[in-house]
Amino acid sequence: MKSLNPVSSSRLEDTFALVPSDSIYSGALAANVEQTVNTPTGAEFVVMTATNDYYVNYDTTAAVPTGTISQAGGELNPIIRYVGETNVIHIISPYACYITLGFYKK
């Protein structure tokens, strides 16, 4: 697993990018059907992207929110998160879509 270290461009000193992950998970989400991903051994960070909105919770069920605001459900469209103490990532979307998760270590 690659480290999460930004790499500076030799031409663009003020820009940086992450190296491509060598631990990538991807798949299709059916609308309103939760899926789980076990955090790979040694992973400390995850970079997530999808083709539509999705909700994520860590070590507990994710749900599409309904009604009034509450703590239940999950986080909408997180991009990069620390998952060093997370065993299972729970993902759900109100739409059918595709999702990719790239894992990194420190």
C-alpha atoms as a PDB file:
ATOM      1  CA  MET A   1       0.000   0.000   0.000  1.00  0.00           C
ATOM      2  CA  LYS A   2       1.339   3.405  -0.981  1.00  0.00           C
ATOM      3  CA  SER A   3       1.843   6.280   1.424  1.00  0.00           C
ATOM      4  CA  LEU A   4      -0.423   9.318   1.388  1.00  0.00           C
ATOM      5  CA  ASN A   5       2.212  11.851   0.431  1.00  0.00           C
ATOM      6  CA  PRO A   6       1.493  14.716  -1.943  1.00  0.00           C
ATOM      7  CA  VAL A   7       3.930  14.932  -4.823  1.00  0.00           C
ATOM      8  CA  SER A   8       4.956  18.359  -6.129  1.00  0.00           C
ATOM      9  CA  SER A   9       5.204  18.932  -9.836  1.00  0.00           C
ATOM     10  CA  SER A  10       8.566  20.062 -11.179  1.00  0.00           C
ATOM     11  CA  ARG A  11       6.819  22.619 -13.404  1.00  0.00           C
ATOM     12  CA  LEU A  12       4.034  23.750 -11.093  1.00  0.00           C
ATOM     13  CA  GLU A  13       5.581  24.494  -7.718  1.00  0.00           C
ATOM     14  CA  ASP A  14       2.304  25.564  -6.104  1.00  0.00           C
ATOM     15  CA  THR A  15       0.349  22.439  -7.055  1.00  0.00           C
ATOM     16  CA  PHE A  16       0.476  18.882  -5.805  1.00  0.00           C
ATOM     17  CA  ALA A  17      -1.298  15.583  -6.307  1.00  0.00           C
ATOM     18  CA  LEU A  18      -1.556  12.227  -4.584  1.00  0.00           C
ATOM     19  CA  VAL A  19       0.252   9.262  -6.050  1.00  0.00           C
ATOM     20  CA  PRO A  20      -2.149   6.667  -7.514  1.00  0.00           C
ATOM     21  CA  SER A  21      -3.230   4.093  -4.935  1.00  0.00           C
ATOM     22  CA  ASP A  22      -2.212   0.482  -5.383  1.00  0.00           C
ATOM     23  CA  SER A  23      -5.121  -0.628  -3.177  1.00  0.00           C
ATOM     24  CA  ILE A  24      -8.286   0.326  -5.082  1.00  0.00           C
ATOM     25  CA  TYR A  25     -11.765  -1.069  -4.496  1.00  0.00           C
ATOM     26  CA  SER A  26     -14.643  -0.263  -6.842  1.00  0.00           C
ATOM     27  CA  GLY A  27     -18.147  -1.475  -7.499  1.00  0.00           C
ATOM     28  CA  ALA A  28     -21.762  -0.684  -8.226  1.00  0.00           C
ATOM     29  CA  LEU A  29     -24.209   0.484  -5.589  1.00  0.00           C
ATOM     30  CA  ALA A  30     -27.895  -0.331  -6.033  1.00  0.00           C
ATOM     31  CA  ALA A  31     -30.268   2.415  -4.894  1.00  0.00           C
ATOM     32  CA  ASN A  32     -30.938   2.262  -1.131  1.00  0.00           C
ATOM     33  CA  VAL A  33     -28.915  -0.938  -0.583  1.00  0.00           C
ATOM     34  CA  GLU A  34     -26.059  -0.636   1.902  1.00  0.00           C
ATOM     35  CA  GLN A  35     -22.724  -2.212   1.063  1.00  0.00           C
ATOM     36  CA  THR A  36     -19.712  -2.642   3.330  1.00  0.00           C
ATOM     37  CA  VAL A  37     -15.981  -2.607   2.670  1.00  0.00           C
ATOM     38  CA  ASN A  38     -13.499  -4.027   5.163  1.00  0.00           C
ATOM     39  CA  THR A  39     -10.651  -1.607   5.729  1.00  0.00           C
ATOM     40  CA  PRO A  40      -7.513  -3.305   4.363  1.00  0.00           C
ATOM     41  CA  THR A  41      -4.769  -4.163   6.849  1.00  0.00           C
ATOM     42  CA  GLY A  42      -2.399  -1.225   7.192  1.00  0.00           C
ATOM     43  CA  ALA A  43      -4.750   1.320   5.618  1.00  0.00           C
ATOM     44  CA  GLU A  44      -4.937   4.677   7.356  1.00  0.00           C
ATOM     45  CA  PHE A  45      -6.669   6.846   4.745  1.00  0.00           C
ATOM     46  CA  VAL A  46      -9.312   6.345   2.083  1.00  0.00           C
ATOM     47  CA  VAL A  47     -10.071   8.534  -0.930  1.00  0.00           C
ATOM     48  CA  MET A  48     -13.634   8.031  -2.182  1.00  0.00           C
ATOM     49  CA  THR A  49     -15.434   9.126  -5.322  1.00  0.00           C
ATOM     50  CA  ALA A  50     -18.718   8.114  -6.935  1.00  0.00           C
ATOM     51  CA  THR A  51     -20.902   8.878  -9.922  1.00  0.00           C
ATOM     52  CA  ASN A  52     -23.714  10.153  -7.666  1.00  0.00           C
ATOM     53  CA  ASP A  53     -24.396  11.123  -4.046  1.00  0.00           C
ATOM     54  CA  TYR A  54     -23.574   8.552  -1.367  1.00  0.00           C
ATOM     55  CA  TYR A  55     -23.567   8.365   2.438  1.00  0.00           C
ATOM     56  CA  VAL A  56     -20.827   6.776   4.539  1.00  0.00           C
ATOM     57  CA  ASN A  57     -20.613   5.641   8.141  1.00  0.00           C
ATOM     58  CA  TYR A  58     -17.666   4.020   9.879  1.00  0.00           C
ATOM     59  CA  ASP A  59     -18.146   0.789  11.863  1.00  0.00           C
ATOM     60  CA  THR A  60     -21.912   1.387  11.965  1.00  0.00           C
ATOM     61  CA  THR A  61     -24.805   1.237   9.518  1.00  0.00           C
ATOM     62  CA  ALA A  62     -25.145   3.939   6.874  1.00  0.00           C
ATOM     63  CA  ALA A  63     -28.596   5.143   5.870  1.00  0.00           C
ATOM     64  CA  VAL A  64     -30.101   7.627   3.466  1.00  0.00           C
ATOM     65  CA  PRO A  65     -31.517  10.415   5.642  1.00  0.00           C
ATOM     66  CA  THR A  66     -35.250  11.044   5.793  1.00  0.00           C
ATOM     67  CA  GLY A  67     -37.322  13.551   7.713  1.00  0.00           C
ATOM     68  CA  THR A  68     -35.754  15.752  10.360  1.00  0.00           C
ATOM     69  CA  ILE A  69     -32.038  16.220  10.983  1.00  0.00           C
ATOM     70  CA  SER A  70     -30.530  13.556  13.259  1.00  0.00           C
ATOM     71  CA  GLN A  71     -27.213  11.822  13.992  1.00  0.00           C
ATOM     72  CA  ALA A  72     -28.236   8.668  12.142  1.00  0.00           C
ATOM     73  CA  GLY A  73     -27.404   8.056   8.514  1.00  0.00           C
ATOM     74  CA  GLY A  74     -23.897   9.035   7.662  1.00  0.00           C
ATOM     75  CA  GLU A  75     -21.721  11.584   5.971  1.00  0.00           C
ATOM     76  CA  LEU A  76     -22.628  12.860   2.487  1.00  0.00           C
ATOM     77  CA  ASN A  77     -19.950  12.433  -0.193  1.00  0.00           C
ATOM     78  CA  PRO A  78     -16.794  12.350   1.954  1.00  0.00           C
ATOM     79  CA  ILE A  79     -13.687  12.587  -0.179  1.00  0.00           C
ATOM     80  CA  ILE A  80     -10.720  11.708   2.017  1.00  0.00           C
ATOM     81  CA  ARG A  81     -10.919  10.341   5.551  1.00  0.00           C
ATOM     82  CA  TYR A  82      -8.663   8.821   8.189  1.00  0.00           C
ATOM     83  CA  VAL A  83      -9.713   5.173   8.663  1.00  0.00           C
ATOM     84  CA  GLY A  84      -6.797   3.871  10.723  1.00  0.00           C
ATOM     85  CA  GLU A  85      -9.143   2.875  13.549  1.00  0.00           C
ATOM     86  CA  THR A  86     -12.049   1.810  11.315  1.00  0.00           C
ATOM     87  CA  ASN A  87     -12.756  -1.856  10.605  1.00  0.00           C
ATOM     88  CA  VAL A  88     -15.676  -1.553   8.189  1.00  0.00           C
ATOM     89  CA  ILE A  89     -16.816   1.277   5.911  1.00  0.00           C
ATOM     90  CA  HIS A  90     -20.592   1.317   5.331  1.00  0.00           C
ATOM     91  CA  ILE A  91     -21.839   2.945   2.112  1.00  0.00           C
ATOM     92  CA  ILE A  92     -25.335   3.629   0.740  1.00  0.00           C
ATOM     93  CA  SER A  93     -26.765   5.790  -2.020  1.00  0.00           C
ATOM     94  CA  PRO A  94     -30.323   6.822  -2.843  1.00  0.00           C
ATOM     95  CA  TYR A  95     -29.340   6.249  -6.491  1.00  0.00           C
ATOM     96  CA  ALA A  96     -27.794   3.438  -8.482  1.00  0.00           C
ATOM     97  CA  CYS A  97     -24.181   4.509  -9.020  1.00  0.00           C
ATOM     98  CA  TYR A  98     -20.551   3.437  -9.117  1.00  0.00           C
ATOM     99  CA  ILE A  99     -18.039   4.079  -6.335  1.00  0.00           C
ATOM    100  CA  THR A 100     -14.267   3.825  -5.994  1.00  0.00           C
ATOM    101  CA  LEU A 101     -12.215   3.729  -2.805  1.00  0.00           C
ATOM    102  CA  GLY A 102      -8.432   4.137  -2.870  1.00  0.00           C
ATOM    103  CA  PHE A 103      -6.606   3.229   0.347  1.00  0.00           C
ATOM    104  CA  TYR A 104      -3.311   4.667   1.612  1.00  0.00           C
ATOM    105  CA  LYS A 105      -1.021   4.330   4.612  1.00  0.00           C
ATOM    106  CA  LYS A 106       0.747   7.203   6.349  1.00  0.00           C
END
